[in-house]
Amino acid sequence: MKQSLIAISFGLTALIILSGCGGAVRYPSYYTLHVPPPPDPPAQGNLHATLAVREFRSPTYLRQGAIVYKTSPEQIGFYNYHRWATDPRDFVTNAVADRLRASGTFTQVKPYDGRADIDYVLSGRLEKLEEIDYDGGVKVEVAISAQMVRLSTGATVWTNSVSEVGQVDKRDVPAMVSEMSRTMERAIEKLLMPVAAVPSEETTTARRGAP
């Protein structure tokens, strides 16, 4: 009888320990970037150029799902329980395509599918998307580069790169992600600012007979 009571006691203790461990399980929090939707495109004039956007590339460490922070220029860290809900490359690709579509510069903007029925192809790279925890305070940095080529010739007709830094007022991950969204919006706007002139400049060059 005494042995039975001891066995029951051990069993209850084990259950309490296991239930305590179960209560301590921590699940990841997931985040996504957000930028305001672009305005409706203006009425199309005498436009003929079409554009396809390739999926943006990025360094491998930005594709692992975890939100990245840097404690020095050389050291990269990853949040264990704060992760991106979607691949940041998909977000940037779609945001860039939406803004090019809304610019009214092209008659069509679509994802690149390898077909040759378009005039231009835009390729890009998300260079940086990270929290900066050195040089005082908490900041975020977003860096993007892109180029556009004329598909028929393979000639590069436009290239640009930007880097934007935002200051985080509140030291927590949701505040940091919100600042990343604002910084990303500024970076995309600056990146695409010169694109609108590309088709008209190419048309003018062709009319003049320049090589």
N, C-alpha and C. Protein backbone atom coordinates (compact mmCIF):
# COMPACT_ATOMS: atom_id res chain seq x y z
N MET A 1 0.83 -1.21 0.00
CA MET A 1 0.00 0.00 0.00
C MET A 1 0.86 1.26 0.00
N LYS A 2 1.91 1.19 0.86
CA LYS A 2 2.81 2.35 0.95
C LYS A 2 3.51 2.60 -0.39
N GLN A 3 3.92 1.48 -1.04
CA GLN A 3 4.58 1.63 -2.34
C GLN A 3 3.63 2.22 -3.38
N SER A 4 2.36 1.83 -3.30
CA SER A 4 1.37 2.37 -4.24
C SER A 4 1.21 3.87 -4.06
N LEU A 5 1.16 4.31 -2.79
CA LEU A 5 1.03 5.74 -2.52
C LEU A 5 2.25 6.51 -3.02
N ILE A 6 3.42 5.90 -2.85
CA ILE A 6 4.64 6.56 -3.34
C ILE A 6 4.60 6.68 -4.87
N ALA A 7 4.16 5.61 -5.53
CA ALA A 7 4.08 5.63 -7.01
C ALA A 7 3.10 6.69 -7.48
N ILE A 8 1.94 6.77 -6.80
CA ILE A 8 0.94 7.79 -7.16
C ILE A 8 1.51 9.19 -6.96
N SER A 9 2.23 9.36 -5.86
CA SER A 9 2.82 10.67 -5.56
C SER A 9 3.81 11.08 -6.65
N PHE A 10 4.67 10.14 -7.06
CA PHE A 10 5.62 10.44 -8.14
C PHE A 10 4.89 10.77 -9.44
N GLY A 11 3.80 10.01 -9.69
CA GLY A 11 3.05 10.26 -10.91
C GLY A 11 2.43 11.64 -10.94
N LEU A 12 1.85 12.04 -9.81
CA LEU A 12 1.25 13.37 -9.73
C LEU A 12 2.31 14.47 -9.89
N THR A 13 3.47 14.25 -9.27
CA THR A 13 4.56 15.23 -9.39
C THR A 13 5.00 15.37 -10.84
N ALA A 14 5.11 14.23 -11.52
CA ALA A 14 5.52 14.27 -12.93
C ALA A 14 4.50 15.00 -13.78
N LEU A 15 3.20 14.77 -13.50
CA LEU A 15 2.16 15.47 -14.25
C LEU A 15 2.21 16.97 -14.03
N ILE A 16 2.46 17.38 -12.78
CA ILE A 16 2.55 18.81 -12.48
C ILE A 16 3.72 19.44 -13.22
N ILE A 17 4.87 18.74 -13.22
CA ILE A 17 6.05 19.26 -13.92
C ILE A 17 5.78 19.38 -15.41
N LEU A 18 5.18 18.32 -15.99
CA LEU A 18 4.89 18.35 -17.42
C LEU A 18 3.90 19.44 -17.78
N SER A 19 2.87 19.61 -16.95
CA SER A 19 1.88 20.66 -17.24
C SER A 19 2.52 22.03 -17.13
N GLY A 20 3.46 22.19 -16.18
CA GLY A 20 4.17 23.46 -16.06
C GLY A 20 5.02 23.75 -17.27
N CYS A 21 5.69 22.71 -17.77
CA CYS A 21 6.49 22.89 -18.97
C CYS A 21 5.62 23.24 -20.17
N GLY A 22 4.45 22.58 -20.25
CA GLY A 22 3.55 22.87 -21.35
C GLY A 22 3.08 24.30 -21.33
N GLY A 23 2.86 24.86 -20.14
CA GLY A 23 2.41 26.24 -20.05
C GLY A 23 3.47 27.23 -20.44
N ALA A 24 4.74 26.78 -20.44
CA ALA A 24 5.84 27.69 -20.76
C ALA A 24 6.18 27.70 -22.24
N VAL A 25 5.48 26.91 -23.06
CA VAL A 25 5.77 26.88 -24.49
C VAL A 25 5.49 28.25 -25.09
N ARG A 26 6.45 28.75 -25.86
CA ARG A 26 6.31 30.06 -26.48
C ARG A 26 6.20 29.89 -27.98
N TYR A 27 5.20 30.53 -28.56
CA TYR A 27 4.99 30.42 -29.99
C TYR A 27 5.46 31.70 -30.69
N PRO A 28 5.94 31.58 -31.91
CA PRO A 28 6.43 32.76 -32.62
C PRO A 28 5.32 33.78 -32.91
N SER A 29 5.69 35.03 -32.95
CA SER A 29 4.80 36.09 -33.44
C SER A 29 5.18 36.39 -34.88
N TYR A 30 4.17 36.60 -35.72
CA TYR A 30 4.42 36.82 -37.15
C TYR A 30 4.04 38.25 -37.54
N TYR A 31 4.81 38.82 -38.45
CA TYR A 31 4.62 40.22 -38.84
C TYR A 31 4.66 40.32 -40.37
N THR A 32 4.08 41.40 -40.85
CA THR A 32 4.18 41.72 -42.26
C THR A 32 4.40 43.20 -42.41
N LEU A 33 5.09 43.59 -43.45
CA LEU A 33 5.25 45.00 -43.76
C LEU A 33 3.96 45.55 -44.34
N HIS A 34 3.77 46.84 -44.19
CA HIS A 34 2.57 47.48 -44.73
C HIS A 34 2.94 48.85 -45.26
N VAL A 35 2.57 49.11 -46.50
CA VAL A 35 2.69 50.45 -47.07
C VAL A 35 1.33 50.84 -47.63
N PRO A 36 0.98 52.13 -47.58
CA PRO A 36 -0.32 52.55 -48.10
C PRO A 36 -0.48 52.17 -49.58
N PRO A 37 -1.66 51.79 -50.00
CA PRO A 37 -1.85 51.46 -51.42
C PRO A 37 -1.62 52.69 -52.28
N PRO A 38 -1.08 52.51 -53.47
CA PRO A 38 -0.86 53.67 -54.36
C PRO A 38 -2.17 54.23 -54.86
N PRO A 39 -2.15 55.49 -55.30
CA PRO A 39 -3.39 56.07 -55.85
C PRO A 39 -3.75 55.41 -57.17
N ASP A 40 -4.97 55.64 -57.60
CA ASP A 40 -5.39 55.12 -58.90
C ASP A 40 -4.53 55.74 -59.99
N PRO A 41 -4.20 54.98 -61.03
CA PRO A 41 -3.36 55.53 -62.11
C PRO A 41 -4.08 56.64 -62.86
N PRO A 42 -3.32 57.59 -63.38
CA PRO A 42 -3.95 58.66 -64.18
C PRO A 42 -4.47 58.09 -65.49
N ALA A 43 -5.29 58.87 -66.14
CA ALA A 43 -5.81 58.45 -67.44
C ALA A 43 -4.65 58.28 -68.41
N GLN A 44 -4.66 57.16 -69.12
CA GLN A 44 -3.55 56.87 -70.02
C GLN A 44 -3.63 57.76 -71.26
N GLY A 45 -2.48 58.31 -71.60
CA GLY A 45 -2.38 59.11 -72.82
C GLY A 45 -1.88 58.23 -73.95
N ASN A 46 -0.90 58.75 -74.66
CA ASN A 46 -0.35 58.02 -75.81
C ASN A 46 0.78 57.09 -75.33
N LEU A 47 0.41 56.07 -74.53
CA LEU A 47 1.38 55.15 -73.97
C LEU A 47 1.34 53.82 -74.71
N HIS A 48 2.52 53.24 -74.89
CA HIS A 48 2.58 51.96 -75.58
C HIS A 48 3.49 50.95 -74.87
N ALA A 49 4.35 51.42 -73.95
CA ALA A 49 5.35 50.55 -73.34
C ALA A 49 4.72 49.60 -72.32
N THR A 50 5.21 48.36 -72.31
CA THR A 50 4.76 47.36 -71.34
C THR A 50 5.97 46.91 -70.51
N LEU A 51 5.68 46.47 -69.28
CA LEU A 51 6.75 46.14 -68.34
C LEU A 51 6.42 44.87 -67.58
N ALA A 52 7.43 44.05 -67.35
CA ALA A 52 7.31 42.88 -66.48
C ALA A 52 8.32 43.02 -65.34
N VAL A 53 7.91 42.58 -64.15
CA VAL A 53 8.74 42.70 -62.95
C VAL A 53 9.15 41.31 -62.49
N ARG A 54 10.45 41.08 -62.42
CA ARG A 54 10.95 39.81 -61.87
C ARG A 54 10.83 39.81 -60.35
N GLU A 55 10.76 38.63 -59.76
CA GLU A 55 10.81 38.55 -58.30
C GLU A 55 12.15 39.09 -57.81
N PHE A 56 12.09 39.97 -56.82
CA PHE A 56 13.31 40.56 -56.28
C PHE A 56 14.15 39.48 -55.61
N ARG A 57 15.46 39.64 -55.69
CA ARG A 57 16.38 38.76 -55.00
C ARG A 57 16.77 39.38 -53.65
N SER A 58 17.52 38.64 -52.84
CA SER A 58 17.99 39.17 -51.56
C SER A 58 19.12 38.29 -51.06
N PRO A 59 19.91 38.77 -50.09
CA PRO A 59 20.88 37.88 -49.44
C PRO A 59 20.17 36.72 -48.77
N THR A 60 20.87 35.61 -48.63
CA THR A 60 20.27 34.40 -48.06
C THR A 60 19.71 34.64 -46.67
N TYR A 61 20.40 35.43 -45.85
CA TYR A 61 19.95 35.58 -44.46
C TYR A 61 18.62 36.31 -44.33
N LEU A 62 18.22 37.05 -45.37
CA LEU A 62 16.91 37.70 -45.34
C LEU A 62 15.79 36.78 -45.77
N ARG A 63 16.13 35.59 -46.22
CA ARG A 63 15.12 34.65 -46.71
C ARG A 63 14.83 33.54 -45.71
N GLN A 64 15.35 33.63 -44.50
CA GLN A 64 15.21 32.55 -43.53
C GLN A 64 13.97 32.70 -42.63
N GLY A 65 13.23 33.78 -42.80
CA GLY A 65 11.98 33.93 -42.05
C GLY A 65 12.08 34.76 -40.80
N ALA A 66 13.19 34.67 -40.08
CA ALA A 66 13.35 35.43 -38.84
C ALA A 66 13.68 36.89 -39.13
N ILE A 67 13.16 37.80 -38.31
CA ILE A 67 13.51 39.21 -38.43
C ILE A 67 14.95 39.39 -37.99
N VAL A 68 15.68 40.21 -38.73
CA VAL A 68 17.12 40.34 -38.56
C VAL A 68 17.45 41.60 -37.75
N TYR A 69 18.45 41.47 -36.88
CA TYR A 69 19.00 42.65 -36.20
C TYR A 69 20.52 42.56 -36.25
N LYS A 70 21.15 43.73 -36.15
CA LYS A 70 22.61 43.79 -36.19
C LYS A 70 23.11 44.55 -34.97
N THR A 71 24.02 43.95 -34.22
CA THR A 71 24.60 44.59 -33.05
C THR A 71 25.92 45.28 -33.39
N SER A 72 26.40 45.08 -34.60
CA SER A 72 27.58 45.77 -35.11
C SER A 72 27.53 45.64 -36.63
N PRO A 73 28.33 46.41 -37.36
CA PRO A 73 28.32 46.27 -38.82
C PRO A 73 28.66 44.86 -39.30
N GLU A 74 29.37 44.10 -38.46
CA GLU A 74 29.81 42.77 -38.88
C GLU A 74 28.97 41.62 -38.33
N GLN A 75 28.13 41.87 -37.32
CA GLN A 75 27.43 40.78 -36.64
C GLN A 75 25.94 40.81 -36.90
N ILE A 76 25.41 39.69 -37.38
CA ILE A 76 23.99 39.56 -37.70
C ILE A 76 23.34 38.62 -36.70
N GLY A 77 22.19 39.01 -36.17
CA GLY A 77 21.43 38.17 -35.27
C GLY A 77 20.02 37.96 -35.79
N PHE A 78 19.33 36.94 -35.26
CA PHE A 78 17.97 36.62 -35.69
C PHE A 78 17.07 36.48 -34.47
N TYR A 79 15.91 37.12 -34.51
CA TYR A 79 14.93 36.94 -33.45
C TYR A 79 14.37 35.51 -33.52
N ASN A 80 14.37 34.82 -32.38
CA ASN A 80 13.86 33.45 -32.36
C ASN A 80 12.34 33.39 -32.48
N TYR A 81 11.64 34.38 -31.94
CA TYR A 81 10.18 34.32 -31.85
C TYR A 81 9.48 35.46 -32.59
N HIS A 82 10.21 36.15 -33.46
CA HIS A 82 9.61 37.22 -34.26
C HIS A 82 10.01 36.97 -35.71
N ARG A 83 9.01 36.63 -36.51
CA ARG A 83 9.28 36.16 -37.86
C ARG A 83 8.37 36.87 -38.87
N TRP A 84 8.79 36.85 -40.12
CA TRP A 84 7.97 37.40 -41.20
C TRP A 84 6.90 36.40 -41.60
N ALA A 85 5.69 36.88 -41.77
CA ALA A 85 4.59 36.01 -42.20
C ALA A 85 4.72 35.66 -43.67
N THR A 86 5.32 36.54 -44.45
CA THR A 86 5.55 36.29 -45.87
C THR A 86 7.00 36.66 -46.20
N ASP A 87 7.50 36.10 -47.26
CA ASP A 87 8.86 36.40 -47.71
C ASP A 87 8.95 37.89 -48.05
N PRO A 88 9.87 38.63 -47.44
CA PRO A 88 10.00 40.06 -47.76
C PRO A 88 10.23 40.33 -49.24
N ARG A 89 10.84 39.38 -49.95
CA ARG A 89 11.05 39.58 -51.39
C ARG A 89 9.71 39.68 -52.13
N ASP A 90 8.74 38.84 -51.72
CA ASP A 90 7.42 38.91 -52.35
C ASP A 90 6.77 40.26 -52.09
N PHE A 91 6.90 40.73 -50.84
CA PHE A 91 6.30 42.02 -50.50
C PHE A 91 6.88 43.13 -51.36
N VAL A 92 8.20 43.19 -51.45
CA VAL A 92 8.85 44.27 -52.22
C VAL A 92 8.48 44.17 -53.69
N THR A 93 8.51 42.96 -54.23
CA THR A 93 8.16 42.78 -55.65
C THR A 93 6.76 43.29 -55.94
N ASN A 94 5.79 42.92 -55.10
CA ASN A 94 4.41 43.34 -55.32
C ASN A 94 4.23 44.83 -55.11
N ALA A 95 4.90 45.39 -54.09
CA ALA A 95 4.77 46.83 -53.82
C ALA A 95 5.35 47.65 -54.97
N VAL A 96 6.48 47.22 -55.51
CA VAL A 96 7.09 47.92 -56.64
C VAL A 96 6.18 47.82 -57.87
N ALA A 97 5.66 46.64 -58.15
CA ALA A 97 4.77 46.48 -59.31
C ALA A 97 3.51 47.34 -59.15
N ASP A 98 2.94 47.39 -57.96
CA ASP A 98 1.74 48.21 -57.73
C ASP A 98 2.02 49.68 -58.01
N ARG A 99 3.16 50.16 -57.57
CA ARG A 99 3.48 51.58 -57.76
C ARG A 99 3.80 51.89 -59.21
N LEU A 100 4.43 50.97 -59.91
CA LEU A 100 4.67 51.18 -61.33
C LEU A 100 3.36 51.15 -62.11
N ARG A 101 2.46 50.28 -61.68
CA ARG A 101 1.15 50.21 -62.31
C ARG A 101 0.37 51.51 -62.10
N ALA A 102 0.48 52.07 -60.89
CA ALA A 102 -0.25 53.29 -60.56
C ALA A 102 0.38 54.54 -61.15
N SER A 103 1.62 54.44 -61.61
CA SER A 103 2.29 55.63 -62.15
C SER A 103 1.71 56.08 -63.48
N GLY A 104 1.04 55.17 -64.19
CA GLY A 104 0.50 55.53 -65.49
C GLY A 104 1.55 55.60 -66.58
N THR A 105 2.77 55.14 -66.29
CA THR A 105 3.86 55.21 -67.26
C THR A 105 3.78 54.09 -68.29
N PHE A 106 3.21 52.95 -67.90
CA PHE A 106 3.17 51.79 -68.77
C PHE A 106 1.73 51.35 -69.01
N THR A 107 1.47 50.82 -70.18
CA THR A 107 0.13 50.33 -70.47
C THR A 107 -0.17 49.04 -69.71
N GLN A 108 0.88 48.31 -69.37
CA GLN A 108 0.70 47.06 -68.63
C GLN A 108 1.92 46.81 -67.75
N VAL A 109 1.67 46.39 -66.51
CA VAL A 109 2.74 45.97 -65.60
C VAL A 109 2.31 44.62 -65.04
N LYS A 110 3.15 43.60 -65.22
CA LYS A 110 2.77 42.25 -64.79
C LYS A 110 4.01 41.52 -64.28
N PRO A 111 3.82 40.40 -63.57
CA PRO A 111 4.97 39.59 -63.15
C PRO A 111 5.67 39.00 -64.37
N TYR A 112 6.97 38.90 -64.30
CA TYR A 112 7.72 38.34 -65.42
C TYR A 112 7.53 36.82 -65.46
N ASP A 113 7.13 36.30 -66.62
CA ASP A 113 6.89 34.86 -66.76
C ASP A 113 7.76 34.23 -67.84
N GLY A 114 8.77 34.97 -68.30
CA GLY A 114 9.67 34.43 -69.31
C GLY A 114 9.23 34.67 -70.74
N ARG A 115 8.03 35.18 -70.93
CA ARG A 115 7.55 35.43 -72.29
C ARG A 115 8.14 36.72 -72.83
N ALA A 116 8.16 36.85 -74.16
CA ALA A 116 8.80 37.99 -74.81
C ALA A 116 7.79 39.00 -75.35
N ASP A 117 6.59 39.02 -74.76
CA ASP A 117 5.55 39.92 -75.28
C ASP A 117 5.51 41.24 -74.52
N ILE A 118 6.64 41.68 -73.98
CA ILE A 118 6.70 42.95 -73.25
C ILE A 118 7.93 43.73 -73.73
N ASP A 119 7.94 45.02 -73.43
CA ASP A 119 9.04 45.89 -73.87
C ASP A 119 10.20 45.92 -72.88
N TYR A 120 9.87 46.00 -71.58
CA TYR A 120 10.92 46.16 -70.57
C TYR A 120 10.77 45.10 -69.47
N VAL A 121 11.90 44.76 -68.85
CA VAL A 121 11.91 43.87 -67.69
C VAL A 121 12.66 44.59 -66.57
N LEU A 122 12.02 44.64 -65.40
CA LEU A 122 12.66 45.23 -64.23
C LEU A 122 13.09 44.13 -63.27
N SER A 123 14.35 44.16 -62.88
CA SER A 123 14.90 43.21 -61.92
C SER A 123 15.40 43.99 -60.71
N GLY A 124 15.26 43.43 -59.52
CA GLY A 124 15.68 44.16 -58.33
C GLY A 124 16.24 43.26 -57.26
N ARG A 125 16.75 43.90 -56.23
CA ARG A 125 17.35 43.17 -55.12
C ARG A 125 17.07 43.93 -53.82
N LEU A 126 16.53 43.22 -52.85
CA LEU A 126 16.38 43.76 -51.50
C LEU A 126 17.71 43.55 -50.80
N GLU A 127 18.47 44.62 -50.64
CA GLU A 127 19.82 44.51 -50.10
C GLU A 127 19.83 44.41 -48.58
N LYS A 128 18.98 45.21 -47.92
CA LYS A 128 18.95 45.25 -46.45
C LYS A 128 17.52 45.43 -45.95
N LEU A 129 17.21 44.75 -44.88
CA LEU A 129 15.95 44.91 -44.17
C LEU A 129 16.22 44.45 -42.74
N GLU A 130 16.69 45.38 -41.90
CA GLU A 130 17.19 44.95 -40.60
C GLU A 130 17.10 46.03 -39.54
N GLU A 131 17.08 45.58 -38.31
CA GLU A 131 17.14 46.47 -37.15
C GLU A 131 18.61 46.74 -36.84
N ILE A 132 18.93 48.00 -36.54
CA ILE A 132 20.30 48.41 -36.23
C ILE A 132 20.38 48.77 -34.76
N ASP A 133 21.19 48.02 -34.00
CA ASP A 133 21.29 48.21 -32.55
C ASP A 133 22.67 48.71 -32.11
N TYR A 134 23.25 49.59 -32.90
CA TYR A 134 24.54 50.17 -32.50
C TYR A 134 24.57 51.64 -32.95
N ASP A 135 25.59 52.36 -32.54
CA ASP A 135 25.72 53.80 -32.81
C ASP A 135 24.60 54.61 -32.15
N GLY A 136 24.08 54.13 -31.04
CA GLY A 136 23.10 54.90 -30.28
C GLY A 136 21.68 54.70 -30.75
N GLY A 137 20.79 54.31 -29.83
CA GLY A 137 19.38 54.14 -30.15
C GLY A 137 19.14 52.90 -31.01
N VAL A 138 17.87 52.77 -31.43
CA VAL A 138 17.47 51.66 -32.30
C VAL A 138 16.99 52.25 -33.61
N LYS A 139 17.53 51.75 -34.71
CA LYS A 139 17.16 52.22 -36.04
C LYS A 139 16.81 51.03 -36.92
N VAL A 140 16.27 51.32 -38.07
CA VAL A 140 16.06 50.29 -39.09
C VAL A 140 16.69 50.78 -40.38
N GLU A 141 17.13 49.85 -41.19
CA GLU A 141 17.71 50.21 -42.49
C GLU A 141 17.09 49.35 -43.58
N VAL A 142 16.70 50.02 -44.66
CA VAL A 142 16.16 49.36 -45.84
C VAL A 142 16.98 49.82 -47.04
N ALA A 143 17.50 48.88 -47.80
CA ALA A 143 18.26 49.21 -49.01
C ALA A 143 17.73 48.36 -50.16
N ILE A 144 17.48 49.01 -51.29
CA ILE A 144 16.95 48.33 -52.48
C ILE A 144 17.70 48.82 -53.71
N SER A 145 17.91 47.93 -54.66
CA SER A 145 18.47 48.32 -55.95
C SER A 145 17.65 47.68 -57.06
N ALA A 146 17.68 48.28 -58.24
CA ALA A 146 16.91 47.73 -59.36
C ALA A 146 17.49 48.23 -60.67
N GLN A 147 17.16 47.52 -61.73
CA GLN A 147 17.54 47.95 -63.07
C GLN A 147 16.45 47.52 -64.05
N MET A 148 16.39 48.25 -65.16
CA MET A 148 15.41 47.94 -66.20
C MET A 148 16.14 47.75 -67.51
N VAL A 149 15.76 46.71 -68.24
CA VAL A 149 16.38 46.46 -69.54
C VAL A 149 15.30 46.42 -70.61
N ARG A 150 15.68 46.81 -71.82
CA ARG A 150 14.79 46.64 -72.96
C ARG A 150 14.95 45.21 -73.45
N LEU A 151 13.86 44.47 -73.47
CA LEU A 151 13.93 43.04 -73.74
C LEU A 151 14.45 42.75 -75.15
N SER A 152 14.11 43.57 -76.11
CA SER A 152 14.47 43.28 -77.50
C SER A 152 15.97 43.39 -77.73
N THR A 153 16.67 44.23 -76.96
CA THR A 153 18.10 44.44 -77.17
C THR A 153 18.97 43.97 -75.99
N GLY A 154 18.36 43.81 -74.82
CA GLY A 154 19.13 43.49 -73.63
C GLY A 154 19.86 44.66 -73.04
N ALA A 155 19.62 45.86 -73.58
CA ALA A 155 20.33 47.05 -73.10
C ALA A 155 19.71 47.55 -71.80
N THR A 156 20.54 47.92 -70.85
CA THR A 156 20.07 48.51 -69.60
C THR A 156 19.70 49.97 -69.85
N VAL A 157 18.43 50.32 -69.59
CA VAL A 157 17.97 51.68 -69.86
C VAL A 157 17.80 52.49 -68.57
N TRP A 158 17.87 51.82 -67.43
CA TRP A 158 17.71 52.53 -66.15
C TRP A 158 18.24 51.66 -65.02
N THR A 159 18.89 52.31 -64.07
CA THR A 159 19.34 51.61 -62.87
C THR A 159 19.35 52.59 -61.72
N ASN A 160 19.07 52.08 -60.52
CA ASN A 160 19.04 52.96 -59.36
C ASN A 160 19.20 52.11 -58.09
N SER A 161 19.70 52.74 -57.04
CA SER A 161 19.80 52.07 -55.73
C SER A 161 19.59 53.11 -54.65
N VAL A 162 18.93 52.72 -53.58
CA VAL A 162 18.64 53.65 -52.48
C VAL A 162 18.85 52.93 -51.15
N SER A 163 19.15 53.72 -50.13
CA SER A 163 19.26 53.20 -48.77
C SER A 163 18.61 54.21 -47.84
N GLU A 164 17.67 53.76 -47.04
CA GLU A 164 16.94 54.63 -46.12
C GLU A 164 17.08 54.11 -44.70
N VAL A 165 17.22 55.03 -43.74
CA VAL A 165 17.33 54.69 -42.33
C VAL A 165 16.20 55.38 -41.58
N GLY A 166 15.54 54.65 -40.68
CA GLY A 166 14.47 55.20 -39.85
C GLY A 166 14.79 55.03 -38.38
N GLN A 167 14.38 56.00 -37.57
CA GLN A 167 14.62 55.95 -36.12
C GLN A 167 13.42 55.32 -35.43
N VAL A 168 13.67 54.38 -34.53
CA VAL A 168 12.61 53.70 -33.78
C VAL A 168 12.46 54.39 -32.43
N ASP A 169 11.26 54.92 -32.16
CA ASP A 169 11.03 55.66 -30.92
C ASP A 169 10.81 54.75 -29.72
N LYS A 170 10.20 53.59 -29.95
CA LYS A 170 9.85 52.68 -28.86
C LYS A 170 10.62 51.38 -29.04
N ARG A 171 11.25 50.92 -27.98
CA ARG A 171 12.10 49.74 -28.10
C ARG A 171 11.29 48.45 -27.96
N ASP A 172 10.56 48.10 -29.01
CA ASP A 172 9.91 46.79 -29.08
C ASP A 172 9.74 46.42 -30.54
N VAL A 173 9.48 45.13 -30.79
CA VAL A 173 9.48 44.63 -32.16
C VAL A 173 8.32 45.21 -32.99
N PRO A 174 7.07 45.29 -32.47
CA PRO A 174 6.02 45.89 -33.29
C PRO A 174 6.34 47.32 -33.73
N ALA A 175 6.92 48.13 -32.84
CA ALA A 175 7.30 49.50 -33.21
C ALA A 175 8.39 49.48 -34.27
N MET A 176 9.32 48.55 -34.15
CA MET A 176 10.39 48.44 -35.13
C MET A 176 9.85 48.05 -36.50
N VAL A 177 8.91 47.10 -36.54
CA VAL A 177 8.33 46.67 -37.81
C VAL A 177 7.54 47.82 -38.45
N SER A 178 6.82 48.59 -37.64
CA SER A 178 6.08 49.75 -38.17
C SER A 178 7.03 50.75 -38.81
N GLU A 179 8.18 50.97 -38.17
CA GLU A 179 9.16 51.89 -38.75
C GLU A 179 9.78 51.31 -40.01
N MET A 180 9.95 49.99 -40.05
CA MET A 180 10.44 49.36 -41.27
C MET A 180 9.47 49.61 -42.43
N SER A 181 8.17 49.55 -42.15
CA SER A 181 7.17 49.80 -43.19
C SER A 181 7.29 51.22 -43.72
N ARG A 182 7.40 52.19 -42.81
CA ARG A 182 7.53 53.58 -43.25
C ARG A 182 8.82 53.80 -44.03
N THR A 183 9.89 53.19 -43.56
CA THR A 183 11.17 53.33 -44.25
C THR A 183 11.15 52.65 -45.61
N MET A 184 10.49 51.50 -45.68
CA MET A 184 10.34 50.80 -46.95
C MET A 184 9.55 51.65 -47.96
N GLU A 185 8.51 52.31 -47.49
CA GLU A 185 7.71 53.16 -48.38
C GLU A 185 8.58 54.27 -48.98
N ARG A 186 9.38 54.93 -48.13
CA ARG A 186 10.26 56.00 -48.63
C ARG A 186 11.28 55.45 -49.63
N ALA A 187 11.82 54.28 -49.32
CA ALA A 187 12.83 53.70 -50.20
C ALA A 187 12.25 53.37 -51.57
N ILE A 188 11.07 52.79 -51.61
CA ILE A 188 10.46 52.43 -52.89
C ILE A 188 10.15 53.68 -53.71
N GLU A 189 9.63 54.72 -53.05
CA GLU A 189 9.33 55.96 -53.76
C GLU A 189 10.58 56.56 -54.38
N LYS A 190 11.67 56.60 -53.62
CA LYS A 190 12.92 57.15 -54.16
C LYS A 190 13.50 56.27 -55.25
N LEU A 191 13.39 54.96 -55.08
CA LEU A 191 13.92 54.04 -56.08
C LEU A 191 13.26 54.25 -57.43
N LEU A 192 11.94 54.41 -57.43
CA LEU A 192 11.19 54.45 -58.69
C LEU A 192 11.00 55.85 -59.27
N MET A 193 11.45 56.86 -58.56
CA MET A 193 11.22 58.24 -59.01
C MET A 193 11.70 58.49 -60.44
N PRO A 194 12.88 57.99 -60.87
CA PRO A 194 13.33 58.28 -62.25
C PRO A 194 12.72 57.40 -63.32
N VAL A 195 11.95 56.38 -62.95
CA VAL A 195 11.48 55.40 -63.93
C VAL A 195 10.53 56.03 -64.94
N ALA A 196 9.72 56.97 -64.51
CA ALA A 196 8.67 57.52 -65.38
C ALA A 196 9.23 58.11 -66.67
N ALA A 197 10.48 58.58 -66.65
CA ALA A 197 11.03 59.22 -67.83
C ALA A 197 11.60 58.23 -68.85
N VAL A 198 11.75 56.96 -68.48
CA VAL A 198 12.44 56.02 -69.35
C VAL A 198 11.76 55.82 -70.71
N PRO A 199 10.47 55.48 -70.79
CA PRO A 199 9.86 55.25 -72.10
C PRO A 199 9.90 56.47 -73.01
N SER A 200 9.62 57.66 -72.46
CA SER A 200 9.61 58.85 -73.29
C SER A 200 11.02 59.20 -73.78
N GLU A 201 12.03 59.00 -72.92
CA GLU A 201 13.41 59.26 -73.34
C GLU A 201 13.84 58.31 -74.46
N GLU A 202 13.44 57.04 -74.32
CA GLU A 202 13.79 56.07 -75.36
C GLU A 202 13.10 56.41 -76.68
N THR A 203 11.85 56.85 -76.59
CA THR A 203 11.12 57.22 -77.80
C THR A 203 11.77 58.42 -78.48
N THR A 204 12.16 59.41 -77.68
CA THR A 204 12.82 60.59 -78.23
C THR A 204 14.14 60.23 -78.89
N THR A 205 14.90 59.35 -78.26
CA THR A 205 16.19 58.91 -78.81
C THR A 205 15.98 58.19 -80.13
N ALA A 206 14.97 57.32 -80.19
CA ALA A 206 14.70 56.57 -81.42
C ALA A 206 14.31 57.51 -82.57
N ARG A 207 13.52 58.53 -82.24
CA ARG A 207 13.10 59.47 -83.28
C ARG A 207 14.27 60.27 -83.84
N ARG A 208 15.24 60.53 -82.98
CA ARG A 208 16.43 61.29 -83.43
C ARG A 208 17.42 60.41 -84.17
N GLY A 209 17.17 59.09 -84.12
CA GLY A 209 18.06 58.18 -84.82
C GLY A 209 19.34 57.91 -84.09
N ALA A 210 19.35 58.18 -82.79
CA ALA A 210 20.57 57.94 -82.02
C ALA A 210 20.74 56.45 -81.80
N PRO A 211 21.98 55.98 -81.65
CA PRO A 211 22.21 54.56 -81.42
C PRO A 211 21.78 54.16 -80.02
